[in-house]
C-alpha atoms as a PDB file:
ATOM      1  CA  UNK A   1     -48.319  41.528  67.384  1.00  0.00           C
ATOM      2  CA  UNK A   2     -47.431  39.280  70.283  1.00  0.00           C
ATOM      3  CA  UNK A   3     -46.535  36.484  67.863  1.00  0.00           C
ATOM      4  CA  UNK A   4     -44.278  38.764  65.885  1.00  0.00           C
ATOM      5  CA  UNK A   5     -42.227  39.788  68.936  1.00  0.00           C
ATOM      6  CA  UNK A   6     -42.315  36.815  71.318  1.00  0.00           C
ATOM      7  CA  UNK A   7     -41.923  33.901  68.901  1.00  0.00           C
ATOM      8  CA  UNK A   8     -38.614  35.131  67.360  1.00  0.00           C
ATOM      9  CA  UNK A   9     -37.172  35.854  70.807  1.00  0.00           C
ATOM     10  CA  UNK A  10     -38.131  32.403  72.137  1.00  0.00           C
ATOM     11  CA  UNK A  11     -36.886  30.725  68.931  1.00  0.00           C
ATOM     12  CA  UNK A  12     -33.569  32.585  69.139  1.00  0.00           C
ATOM     13  CA  UNK A  13     -33.111  31.550  72.781  1.00  0.00           C
ATOM     14  CA  UNK A  14     -33.926  27.920  72.029  1.00  0.00           C
ATOM     15  CA  UNK A  15     -31.603  27.944  69.028  1.00  0.00           C
ATOM     16  CA  UNK A  16     -28.760  29.324  71.109  1.00  0.00           C
ATOM     17  CA  UNK A  17     -29.256  26.729  73.852  1.00  0.00           C
ATOM     18  CA  UNK A  18     -29.647  23.893  71.367  1.00  0.00           C
ATOM     19  CA  UNK A  19     -26.533  24.950  69.462  1.00  0.00           C
ATOM     20  CA  UNK A  20     -24.447  25.029  72.606  1.00  0.00           C
ATOM     21  CA  UNK A  21     -25.606  21.490  73.428  1.00  0.00           C
ATOM     22  CA  UNK A  22     -24.694  19.970  70.063  1.00  0.00           C
ATOM     23  CA  UNK A  23     -21.484  21.931  69.503  1.00  0.00           C
ATOM     24  CA  UNK A  24     -18.330  19.883  69.996  1.00  0.00           C
ATOM     25  CA  UNK A  25     -16.798  20.313  73.423  1.00  0.00           C
ATOM     26  CA  UNK A  26     -13.157  20.890  74.158  1.00  0.00           C
ATOM     27  CA  UNK A  27     -10.895  18.091  73.034  1.00  0.00           C
ATOM     28  CA  UNK A  28      -9.484  15.802  75.662  1.00  0.00           C
ATOM     29  CA  UNK A  29      -5.737  16.221  75.983  1.00  0.00           C
ATOM     30  CA  UNK A  30      -3.945  13.647  73.882  1.00  0.00           C
ATOM     31  CA  UNK A  31      -1.167  11.585  75.370  1.00  0.00           C
ATOM     32  CA  UNK A  32       2.195  12.626  73.986  1.00  0.00           C
ATOM     33  CA  UNK A  33       3.466  10.203  71.379  1.00  0.00           C
ATOM     34  CA  UNK A  34       5.935   7.569  72.523  1.00  0.00           C
ATOM     35  CA  UNK A  35       9.415   8.692  71.484  1.00  0.00           C
ATOM     36  CA  UNK A  36      11.086   6.580  68.843  1.00  0.00           C
ATOM     37  CA  UNK A  37      13.719   4.119  70.088  1.00  0.00           C
ATOM     38  CA  UNK A  38      17.259   5.486  70.004  1.00  0.00           C
ATOM     39  CA  UNK A  39      20.320   3.494  68.984  1.00  0.00           C
ATOM     40  CA  UNK A  40      23.276   4.368  71.199  1.00  0.00           C
ATOM     41  CA  UNK A  41      26.509   3.008  69.729  1.00  0.00           C
ATOM     42  CA  UNK A  42      28.978   2.266  72.513  1.00  0.00           C
ATOM     43  CA  UNK A  43      31.760   1.241  70.185  1.00  0.00           C
ATOM     44  CA  UNK A  44      34.345  -1.394  70.941  1.00  0.00           C
ATOM     45  CA  UNK A  45      34.608  -2.470  74.585  1.00  0.00           C
ATOM     46  CA  UNK A  46      37.648  -4.537  75.557  1.00  0.00           C
ATOM     47  CA  UNK A  47      37.022  -6.931  78.417  1.00  0.00           C
ATOM     48  CA  UNK A  48      40.056  -8.411  80.198  1.00  0.00           C
ATOM     49  CA  UNK A  49      39.568 -12.062  81.093  1.00  0.00           C
ATOM     50  CA  UNK A  50      41.816 -13.355  83.843  1.00  0.00           C
ATOM     51  CA  UNK A  51      42.478 -17.065  84.121  1.00  0.00           C
ATOM     52  CA  UNK A  52      44.987 -18.984  86.247  1.00  0.00           C
ATOM     53  CA  UNK A  53      47.928 -18.759  83.861  1.00  0.00           C
ATOM     54  CA  UNK A  54      46.803 -16.403  81.145  1.00  0.00           C
ATOM     55  CA  UNK A  55      45.120 -13.124  80.475  1.00  0.00           C
ATOM     56  CA  UNK A  56      43.056 -12.873  77.331  1.00  0.00           C
ATOM     57  CA  UNK A  57      40.810 -10.142  76.026  1.00  0.00           C
ATOM     58  CA  UNK A  58      37.473  -9.986  74.306  1.00  0.00           C
ATOM     59  CA  UNK A  59      36.622  -6.966  72.186  1.00  0.00           C
ATOM     60  CA  UNK A  60      32.873  -6.497  71.845  1.00  0.00           C
ATOM     61  CA  UNK A  61      31.205  -3.851  69.672  1.00  0.00           C
ATOM     62  CA  UNK A  62      27.895  -2.995  71.369  1.00  0.00           C
ATOM     63  CA  UNK A  63      24.893  -0.881  70.437  1.00  0.00           C
ATOM     64  CA  UNK A  64      22.036  -0.393  72.913  1.00  0.00           C
ATOM     65  CA  UNK A  65      18.494   0.494  71.866  1.00  0.00           C
ATOM     66  CA  UNK A  66      16.754   2.757  74.389  1.00  0.00           C
ATOM     67  CA  UNK A  67      13.113   3.738  74.463  1.00  0.00           C
ATOM     68  CA  UNK A  68      11.543   6.558  76.426  1.00  0.00           C
ATOM     69  CA  UNK A  69      13.294   9.457  78.056  1.00  0.00           C
ATOM     70  CA  UNK A  70      14.451   7.817  81.289  1.00  0.00           C
ATOM     71  CA  UNK A  71      18.050   8.470  80.254  1.00  0.00           C
ATOM     72  CA  UNK A  72      18.467  11.905  78.743  1.00  0.00           C
ATOM     73  CA  UNK A  73      20.927  12.420  75.917  1.00  0.00           C
ATOM     74  CA  UNK A  74      24.047  14.206  76.988  1.00  0.00           C
ATOM     75  CA  UNK A  75      27.797  13.951  77.166  1.00  0.00           C
ATOM     76  CA  UNK A  76      27.706  11.504  80.097  1.00  0.00           C
ATOM     77  CA  UNK A  77      25.286   9.003  78.532  1.00  0.00           C
ATOM     78  CA  UNK A  78      27.688   6.936  76.419  1.00  0.00           C
ATOM     79  CA  UNK A  79      30.410   6.661  79.117  1.00  0.00           C
ATOM     80  CA  UNK A  80      27.775   5.589  81.673  1.00  0.00           C
ATOM     81  CA  UNK A  81      26.405   2.913  79.335  1.00  0.00           C
ATOM     82  CA  UNK A  82      29.939   1.753  78.444  1.00  0.00           C
ATOM     83  CA  UNK A  83      30.818   1.441  82.136  1.00  0.00           C
ATOM     84  CA  UNK A  84      27.678  -0.584  82.878  1.00  0.00           C
ATOM     85  CA  UNK A  85      28.302  -2.851  79.887  1.00  0.00           C
ATOM     86  CA  UNK A  86      31.988  -3.349  80.729  1.00  0.00           C
ATOM     87  CA  UNK A  87      31.159  -4.138  84.357  1.00  0.00           C
ATOM     88  CA  UNK A  88      28.534  -6.691  83.326  1.00  0.00           C
ATOM     89  CA  UNK A  89      30.749  -8.358  80.709  1.00  0.00           C
ATOM     90  CA  UNK A  90      33.638  -8.561  83.198  1.00  0.00           C
ATOM     91  CA  UNK A  91      31.414 -10.224  85.803  1.00  0.00           C
ATOM     92  CA  UNK A  92      30.061 -12.670  83.236  1.00  0.00           C
ATOM     93  CA  UNK A  93      33.581 -13.566  82.103  1.00  0.00           C
ATOM     94  CA  UNK A  94      34.853 -13.934  85.689  1.00  0.00           C
ATOM     95  CA  UNK A  95      31.958 -16.285  86.466  1.00  0.00           C
ATOM     96  CA  UNK A  96      32.705 -18.263  83.296  1.00  0.00           C
ATOM     97  CA  UNK A  97      29.242 -17.679  81.880  1.00  0.00           C
ATOM     98  CA  UNK A  98      30.751 -17.686  78.398  1.00  0.00           C
ATOM     99  CA  UNK A  99      33.986 -18.886  76.846  1.00  0.00           C
ATOM    100  CA  UNK A 100      35.778 -15.844  75.410  1.00  0.00           C
ATOM    101  CA  UNK A 101      37.516 -17.887  72.720  1.00  0.00           C
ATOM    102  CA  UNK A 102      34.336 -19.307  71.205  1.00  0.00           C
ATOM    103  CA  UNK A 103      31.601 -16.832  72.158  1.00  0.00           C
ATOM    104  CA  UNK A 104      29.485 -15.425  69.334  1.00  0.00           C
ATOM    105  CA  UNK A 105      27.596 -12.131  69.199  1.00  0.00           C
ATOM    106  CA  UNK A 106      24.291 -14.033  69.233  1.00  0.00           C
ATOM    107  CA  UNK A 107      25.231 -15.655  72.563  1.00  0.00           C
ATOM    108  CA  UNK A 108      26.112 -12.303  74.144  1.00  0.00           C
ATOM    109  CA  UNK A 109      22.880 -10.477  73.218  1.00  0.00           C
ATOM    110  CA  UNK A 110      20.551 -12.213  75.741  1.00  0.00           C
ATOM    111  CA  UNK A 111      23.228 -12.012  78.442  1.00  0.00           C
ATOM    112  CA  UNK A 112      23.570  -8.265  77.929  1.00  0.00           C
ATOM    113  CA  UNK A 113      19.816  -7.675  77.767  1.00  0.00           C
ATOM    114  CA  UNK A 114      19.105  -9.609  80.975  1.00  0.00           C
ATOM    115  CA  UNK A 115      22.044  -8.115  82.829  1.00  0.00           C
ATOM    116  CA  UNK A 116      21.423  -4.515  81.810  1.00  0.00           C
ATOM    117  CA  UNK A 117      17.632  -4.387  82.144  1.00  0.00           C
ATOM    118  CA  UNK A 118      17.858  -3.343  85.822  1.00  0.00           C
ATOM    119  CA  UNK A 119      20.896  -1.124  85.334  1.00  0.00           C
ATOM    120  CA  UNK A 120      19.763   0.821  82.266  1.00  0.00           C
ATOM    121  CA  UNK A 121      16.240   2.291  82.446  1.00  0.00           C
ATOM    122  CA  UNK A 122      14.408   2.155  79.131  1.00  0.00           C
ATOM    123  CA  UNK A 123      16.590  -0.561  77.600  1.00  0.00           C
ATOM    124  CA  UNK A 124      14.690  -2.118  74.733  1.00  0.00           C
ATOM    125  CA  UNK A 125      17.383  -4.255  73.124  1.00  0.00           C
ATOM    126  CA  UNK A 126      21.099  -4.847  72.875  1.00  0.00           C
ATOM    127  CA  UNK A 127      22.952  -5.455  69.640  1.00  0.00           C
ATOM    128  CA  UNK A 128      26.380  -7.047  69.537  1.00  0.00           C
ATOM    129  CA  UNK A 129      27.919  -6.157  66.196  1.00  0.00           C
ATOM    130  CA  UNK A 130      31.091  -8.187  66.743  1.00  0.00           C
ATOM    131  CA  UNK A 131      32.916 -10.190  69.387  1.00  0.00           C
ATOM    132  CA  UNK A 132      36.578 -10.973  68.810  1.00  0.00           C
ATOM    133  CA  UNK A 133      38.943 -12.626  71.294  1.00  0.00           C
ATOM    134  CA  UNK A 134      42.676 -11.937  71.336  1.00  0.00           C
ATOM    135  CA  UNK A 135      45.665 -12.696  73.502  1.00  0.00           C
ATOM    136  CA  UNK A 136      48.428 -10.268  74.141  1.00  0.00           C
ATOM    137  CA  UNK A 137      52.003 -11.319  73.653  1.00  0.00           C
END
């Protein structure tokens, strides 16, 4: 009689303890996925270039690729990025880093990326779709 009562109780207890040991535990929290890069089209930016006897202009069509959420989307994002890009391009032109009459989009890309990396958090790349000089008058 002792075997009929005690053995099933001990077996049930051991089964419960063993099952709790081999059951999968709670999952570790997964890191949120990295957000996909966002293309922010800034449109055409016209940079005035002042020289001793002439004023010329360079119109640059810029798109910035941002990763992460350092800069939240909103109505102020594009104007802020345009201002930073215009300021950088103006400084580069004033310092004669590039010649506005012969500059190509491929020459402007590394200049923009290096110059904006500290100013624009999460900047992954810059794309210059076109760069066209013109003189007024």
